[in-house]
Amino acid sequence: MHNRLSLLAAGVVLACASGTQAQTNFDGVYRAPQGGVTGNSACGTTRFGYPVRVSNGVASMQTVSQGELQGRLGPDGSLRIDHGPAVLAGKITGNQFTGTYTVQRCQFALNYTK
């Protein structure tokens, strides 16, 4: 009985550790290409290069107009943060974050590299 409990406990620890590892492999700073990102026609000539930072499965992006957007990544690297009129959505695959940043009618296509 004691051996079964030890094996069960070890399995729980390994499952927790592997879940943590799956989240932290996304850790890093994802940056816009040089020159930043340009929005759609509703944005005029607005450009920005706010990086997306990921630490322990939590993504954040500090903006001037909307403050800090922060949310948890899905196990597959997917992300959706709703913050007032702003939405940051996308997915991390390998060393790339691909998605969109939308504020009201203004939308930016993001193709960031770690």
N, C-alpha and C. Protein backbone atom coordinates (compact mmCIF):
# COMPACT_ATOMS: atom_id res chain seq x y z
N MET A 1 0.83 -1.19 0.00
CA MET A 1 0.00 0.00 0.00
C MET A 1 0.87 1.25 0.00
N HIS A 2 1.93 1.23 0.83
CA HIS A 2 2.82 2.39 0.92
C HIS A 2 3.49 2.66 -0.44
N ASN A 3 3.90 1.59 -1.14
CA ASN A 3 4.54 1.75 -2.44
C ASN A 3 3.59 2.34 -3.47
N ARG A 4 2.31 1.95 -3.40
CA ARG A 4 1.32 2.51 -4.33
C ARG A 4 1.15 4.00 -4.10
N LEU A 5 1.09 4.41 -2.84
CA LEU A 5 0.95 5.83 -2.53
C LEU A 5 2.18 6.61 -2.98
N SER A 6 3.36 6.02 -2.80
CA SER A 6 4.59 6.68 -3.24
C SER A 6 4.60 6.86 -4.75
N LEU A 7 4.19 5.82 -5.48
CA LEU A 7 4.13 5.91 -6.93
C LEU A 7 3.10 6.93 -7.39
N LEU A 8 1.95 6.96 -6.72
CA LEU A 8 0.92 7.93 -7.06
C LEU A 8 1.42 9.35 -6.81
N ALA A 9 2.07 9.58 -5.68
CA ALA A 9 2.61 10.90 -5.36
C ALA A 9 3.68 11.31 -6.37
N ALA A 10 4.53 10.38 -6.75
CA ALA A 10 5.58 10.68 -7.74
C ALA A 10 4.95 11.04 -9.08
N GLY A 11 3.89 10.33 -9.45
CA GLY A 11 3.19 10.64 -10.71
C GLY A 11 2.57 12.02 -10.69
N VAL A 12 2.00 12.42 -9.56
CA VAL A 12 1.41 13.76 -9.43
C VAL A 12 2.49 14.82 -9.55
N VAL A 13 3.62 14.62 -8.91
CA VAL A 13 4.73 15.58 -8.97
C VAL A 13 5.23 15.70 -10.41
N LEU A 14 5.40 14.58 -11.10
CA LEU A 14 5.86 14.62 -12.50
C LEU A 14 4.85 15.31 -13.40
N ALA A 15 3.57 15.06 -13.20
CA ALA A 15 2.53 15.70 -14.01
C ALA A 15 2.55 17.21 -13.79
N CYS A 16 2.69 17.64 -12.56
CA CYS A 16 2.76 19.07 -12.27
C CYS A 16 4.01 19.69 -12.88
N ALA A 17 5.12 19.02 -12.77
CA ALA A 17 6.37 19.54 -13.30
C ALA A 17 6.31 19.64 -14.82
N SER A 18 5.72 18.64 -15.48
CA SER A 18 5.66 18.69 -16.94
C SER A 18 4.68 19.76 -17.39
N GLY A 19 3.61 20.01 -16.64
CA GLY A 19 2.69 21.09 -16.97
C GLY A 19 3.36 22.44 -16.85
N THR A 20 4.20 22.60 -15.84
CA THR A 20 4.94 23.85 -15.66
C THR A 20 5.94 24.02 -16.80
N GLN A 21 6.62 22.95 -17.16
CA GLN A 21 7.60 23.03 -18.25
C GLN A 21 6.92 23.41 -19.55
N ALA A 22 5.73 22.87 -19.82
CA ALA A 22 5.03 23.18 -21.05
C ALA A 22 4.71 24.68 -21.12
N GLN A 23 4.42 25.29 -19.98
CA GLN A 23 4.12 26.71 -19.96
C GLN A 23 5.37 27.57 -20.09
N THR A 24 6.46 27.19 -19.43
CA THR A 24 7.63 28.07 -19.40
C THR A 24 8.46 28.01 -20.67
N ASN A 25 8.25 27.03 -21.56
CA ASN A 25 9.04 27.00 -22.78
C ASN A 25 8.67 28.16 -23.70
N PHE A 26 7.60 28.88 -23.41
CA PHE A 26 7.22 30.07 -24.16
C PHE A 26 7.89 31.33 -23.61
N ASP A 27 8.54 31.22 -22.45
CA ASP A 27 9.13 32.39 -21.80
C ASP A 27 10.10 33.12 -22.71
N GLY A 28 10.06 34.44 -22.63
CA GLY A 28 10.97 35.26 -23.40
C GLY A 28 10.31 36.56 -23.81
N VAL A 29 11.02 37.34 -24.60
CA VAL A 29 10.51 38.62 -25.10
C VAL A 29 10.36 38.49 -26.60
N TYR A 30 9.16 38.73 -27.08
CA TYR A 30 8.85 38.67 -28.50
C TYR A 30 8.77 40.10 -29.01
N ARG A 31 9.54 40.39 -30.07
CA ARG A 31 9.67 41.77 -30.54
C ARG A 31 9.19 41.93 -31.97
N ALA A 32 8.74 43.17 -32.26
CA ALA A 32 8.32 43.54 -33.60
C ALA A 32 9.53 43.61 -34.51
N PRO A 33 9.31 43.49 -35.82
CA PRO A 33 10.43 43.70 -36.73
C PRO A 33 10.94 45.13 -36.63
N GLN A 34 12.16 45.36 -37.06
CA GLN A 34 12.73 46.70 -36.99
C GLN A 34 11.81 47.67 -37.74
N GLY A 35 11.56 48.82 -37.14
CA GLY A 35 10.64 49.79 -37.72
C GLY A 35 9.25 49.69 -37.15
N GLY A 36 8.98 48.63 -36.39
CA GLY A 36 7.69 48.49 -35.73
C GLY A 36 6.61 47.92 -36.62
N VAL A 37 5.37 48.11 -36.18
CA VAL A 37 4.19 47.56 -36.83
C VAL A 37 3.28 48.73 -37.19
N THR A 38 2.69 48.71 -38.37
CA THR A 38 1.77 49.75 -38.81
C THR A 38 0.35 49.21 -38.75
N GLY A 39 -0.58 50.05 -38.29
CA GLY A 39 -1.98 49.65 -38.20
C GLY A 39 -2.71 49.78 -39.52
N ASN A 40 -4.00 49.39 -39.51
CA ASN A 40 -4.82 49.48 -40.71
C ASN A 40 -5.20 50.93 -40.99
N SER A 41 -6.02 51.18 -42.01
CA SER A 41 -6.35 52.55 -42.42
C SER A 41 -7.07 53.34 -41.33
N ALA A 42 -7.76 52.68 -40.41
CA ALA A 42 -8.43 53.38 -39.31
C ALA A 42 -7.44 53.97 -38.32
N CYS A 43 -6.17 53.56 -38.43
CA CYS A 43 -5.13 54.02 -37.50
C CYS A 43 -4.34 55.19 -38.03
N GLY A 44 -4.56 55.60 -39.27
CA GLY A 44 -3.71 56.63 -39.85
C GLY A 44 -2.31 56.09 -40.04
N THR A 45 -1.30 56.78 -39.56
CA THR A 45 0.08 56.33 -39.72
C THR A 45 0.67 55.82 -38.41
N THR A 46 -0.18 55.43 -37.49
CA THR A 46 0.28 54.97 -36.18
C THR A 46 1.21 53.76 -36.32
N ARG A 47 2.33 53.83 -35.63
CA ARG A 47 3.30 52.72 -35.57
C ARG A 47 3.62 52.45 -34.11
N PHE A 48 3.95 51.20 -33.83
CA PHE A 48 4.43 50.88 -32.49
C PHE A 48 5.29 49.64 -32.54
N GLY A 49 6.00 49.39 -31.47
CA GLY A 49 6.85 48.21 -31.37
C GLY A 49 6.81 47.62 -29.98
N TYR A 50 5.65 47.73 -29.31
CA TYR A 50 5.53 47.18 -27.95
C TYR A 50 5.89 45.70 -27.96
N PRO A 51 6.86 45.27 -27.16
CA PRO A 51 7.17 43.84 -27.11
C PRO A 51 6.13 43.09 -26.28
N VAL A 52 5.99 41.81 -26.55
CA VAL A 52 5.17 40.91 -25.74
C VAL A 52 6.14 40.12 -24.89
N ARG A 53 5.98 40.19 -23.58
CA ARG A 53 6.86 39.49 -22.64
C ARG A 53 6.09 38.32 -22.03
N VAL A 54 6.76 37.17 -21.96
CA VAL A 54 6.14 35.97 -21.39
C VAL A 54 7.04 35.44 -20.28
N SER A 55 6.45 35.24 -19.12
CA SER A 55 7.17 34.68 -17.98
C SER A 55 6.24 33.75 -17.21
N ASN A 56 6.66 32.49 -17.05
CA ASN A 56 5.88 31.48 -16.33
C ASN A 56 4.46 31.35 -16.86
N GLY A 57 4.30 31.42 -18.19
CA GLY A 57 3.00 31.22 -18.81
C GLY A 57 2.10 32.44 -18.80
N VAL A 58 2.60 33.59 -18.32
CA VAL A 58 1.81 34.82 -18.30
C VAL A 58 2.42 35.79 -19.31
N ALA A 59 1.59 36.28 -20.23
CA ALA A 59 2.03 37.23 -21.24
C ALA A 59 1.60 38.63 -20.86
N SER A 60 2.43 39.61 -21.20
CA SER A 60 2.07 41.01 -20.95
C SER A 60 2.62 41.89 -22.06
N MET A 61 1.90 42.99 -22.29
CA MET A 61 2.35 44.00 -23.24
C MET A 61 2.01 45.36 -22.64
N GLN A 62 3.01 46.19 -22.45
CA GLN A 62 2.84 47.53 -21.90
C GLN A 62 2.60 48.50 -23.06
N THR A 63 1.44 49.19 -23.04
CA THR A 63 1.12 50.15 -24.09
C THR A 63 1.01 51.54 -23.49
N VAL A 64 1.11 52.54 -24.35
CA VAL A 64 0.97 53.92 -23.88
C VAL A 64 -0.50 54.25 -23.62
N SER A 65 -1.36 53.93 -24.58
CA SER A 65 -2.77 54.35 -24.46
C SER A 65 -3.62 53.46 -23.57
N GLN A 66 -3.29 52.18 -23.45
CA GLN A 66 -4.15 51.24 -22.71
C GLN A 66 -3.50 50.67 -21.45
N GLY A 67 -2.29 51.07 -21.15
CA GLY A 67 -1.60 50.53 -19.98
C GLY A 67 -1.12 49.12 -20.24
N GLU A 68 -0.99 48.33 -19.18
CA GLU A 68 -0.48 46.97 -19.33
C GLU A 68 -1.61 45.99 -19.59
N LEU A 69 -1.45 45.20 -20.63
CA LEU A 69 -2.36 44.10 -20.92
C LEU A 69 -1.66 42.84 -20.43
N GLN A 70 -2.39 42.00 -19.69
CA GLN A 70 -1.76 40.82 -19.11
C GLN A 70 -2.74 39.67 -19.09
N GLY A 71 -2.26 38.47 -19.44
CA GLY A 71 -3.11 37.29 -19.42
C GLY A 71 -2.30 36.02 -19.52
N ARG A 72 -2.95 34.91 -19.23
CA ARG A 72 -2.30 33.60 -19.22
C ARG A 72 -2.37 32.96 -20.60
N LEU A 73 -1.26 32.37 -21.01
CA LEU A 73 -1.21 31.60 -22.26
C LEU A 73 -1.93 30.27 -22.07
N GLY A 74 -2.54 29.77 -23.13
CA GLY A 74 -3.07 28.42 -23.12
C GLY A 74 -1.92 27.43 -23.24
N PRO A 75 -2.15 26.17 -22.95
CA PRO A 75 -1.08 25.17 -23.02
C PRO A 75 -0.48 25.04 -24.42
N ASP A 76 -1.23 25.45 -25.44
CA ASP A 76 -0.74 25.36 -26.82
C ASP A 76 -0.10 26.68 -27.29
N GLY A 77 0.06 27.65 -26.38
CA GLY A 77 0.66 28.93 -26.73
C GLY A 77 -0.32 29.98 -27.19
N SER A 78 -1.62 29.66 -27.13
CA SER A 78 -2.63 30.62 -27.56
C SER A 78 -2.85 31.69 -26.48
N LEU A 79 -3.27 32.87 -26.94
CA LEU A 79 -3.44 34.01 -26.03
C LEU A 79 -4.60 34.87 -26.48
N ARG A 80 -5.40 35.32 -25.53
CA ARG A 80 -6.43 36.33 -25.77
C ARG A 80 -6.56 37.14 -24.50
N ILE A 81 -6.28 38.45 -24.63
CA ILE A 81 -6.41 39.37 -23.51
C ILE A 81 -7.39 40.46 -23.92
N ASP A 82 -8.48 40.60 -23.19
CA ASP A 82 -9.43 41.69 -23.38
C ASP A 82 -9.20 42.69 -22.27
N HIS A 83 -8.92 43.93 -22.64
CA HIS A 83 -8.59 44.97 -21.66
C HIS A 83 -9.27 46.27 -22.11
N GLY A 84 -10.49 46.49 -21.61
CA GLY A 84 -11.25 47.66 -22.07
C GLY A 84 -11.48 47.55 -23.57
N PRO A 85 -11.15 48.61 -24.32
CA PRO A 85 -11.36 48.56 -25.78
C PRO A 85 -10.23 47.83 -26.52
N ALA A 86 -9.23 47.35 -25.79
CA ALA A 86 -8.07 46.70 -26.41
C ALA A 86 -8.17 45.18 -26.32
N VAL A 87 -7.73 44.52 -27.40
CA VAL A 87 -7.67 43.06 -27.43
C VAL A 87 -6.33 42.65 -28.05
N LEU A 88 -5.59 41.81 -27.32
CA LEU A 88 -4.37 41.21 -27.82
C LEU A 88 -4.67 39.72 -27.98
N ALA A 89 -4.55 39.21 -29.21
CA ALA A 89 -4.87 37.81 -29.46
C ALA A 89 -3.85 37.22 -30.41
N GLY A 90 -3.51 35.96 -30.19
CA GLY A 90 -2.58 35.30 -31.09
C GLY A 90 -2.10 33.99 -30.53
N LYS A 91 -0.99 33.52 -31.08
CA LYS A 91 -0.46 32.23 -30.66
C LYS A 91 1.05 32.22 -30.85
N ILE A 92 1.73 31.57 -29.92
CA ILE A 92 3.17 31.37 -30.01
C ILE A 92 3.41 29.98 -30.61
N THR A 93 4.22 29.97 -31.66
CA THR A 93 4.65 28.72 -32.27
C THR A 93 6.15 28.83 -32.48
N GLY A 94 6.90 27.94 -31.85
CA GLY A 94 8.36 28.04 -31.92
C GLY A 94 8.81 29.35 -31.31
N ASN A 95 9.54 30.15 -32.05
CA ASN A 95 10.02 31.45 -31.57
C ASN A 95 9.22 32.61 -32.15
N GLN A 96 8.01 32.34 -32.62
CA GLN A 96 7.18 33.37 -33.25
C GLN A 96 5.88 33.59 -32.47
N PHE A 97 5.51 34.86 -32.31
CA PHE A 97 4.18 35.20 -31.82
C PHE A 97 3.47 35.86 -33.00
N THR A 98 2.37 35.26 -33.43
CA THR A 98 1.59 35.79 -34.55
C THR A 98 0.19 36.07 -34.04
N GLY A 99 -0.30 37.29 -34.31
CA GLY A 99 -1.63 37.63 -33.84
C GLY A 99 -2.02 39.04 -34.22
N THR A 100 -2.92 39.61 -33.42
CA THR A 100 -3.39 40.97 -33.67
C THR A 100 -3.51 41.74 -32.36
N TYR A 101 -3.33 43.03 -32.46
CA TYR A 101 -3.60 43.96 -31.36
C TYR A 101 -4.63 44.94 -31.91
N THR A 102 -5.79 44.99 -31.26
CA THR A 102 -6.89 45.82 -31.72
C THR A 102 -7.29 46.79 -30.62
N VAL A 103 -7.46 48.06 -31.00
CA VAL A 103 -8.01 49.07 -30.10
C VAL A 103 -9.11 49.78 -30.89
N GLN A 104 -10.34 49.55 -30.47
CA GLN A 104 -11.51 50.06 -31.18
C GLN A 104 -11.44 49.63 -32.64
N ARG A 105 -11.42 50.54 -33.61
CA ARG A 105 -11.40 50.17 -35.03
C ARG A 105 -9.99 49.98 -35.57
N CYS A 106 -9.00 50.28 -34.79
CA CYS A 106 -7.60 50.21 -35.23
C CYS A 106 -7.06 48.80 -34.96
N GLN A 107 -6.49 48.18 -35.98
CA GLN A 107 -5.96 46.83 -35.81
C GLN A 107 -4.54 46.74 -36.37
N PHE A 108 -3.66 46.08 -35.59
CA PHE A 108 -2.28 45.86 -35.97
C PHE A 108 -2.05 44.36 -36.13
N ALA A 109 -1.46 43.96 -37.24
CA ALA A 109 -1.07 42.55 -37.43
C ALA A 109 0.31 42.37 -36.81
N LEU A 110 0.45 41.41 -35.92
CA LEU A 110 1.70 41.18 -35.20
C LEU A 110 2.37 39.91 -35.71
N ASN A 111 3.63 40.02 -36.03
CA ASN A 111 4.46 38.88 -36.38
C ASN A 111 5.80 39.10 -35.68
N TYR A 112 5.85 38.71 -34.42
CA TYR A 112 6.98 38.98 -33.54
C TYR A 112 7.90 37.78 -33.45
N THR A 113 9.17 38.06 -33.19
CA THR A 113 10.17 37.00 -33.03
C THR A 113 10.81 37.09 -31.65
N LYS A 114 11.08 35.94 -31.07
CA LYS A 114 11.74 35.86 -29.75
C LYS A 114 13.22 36.02 -29.91
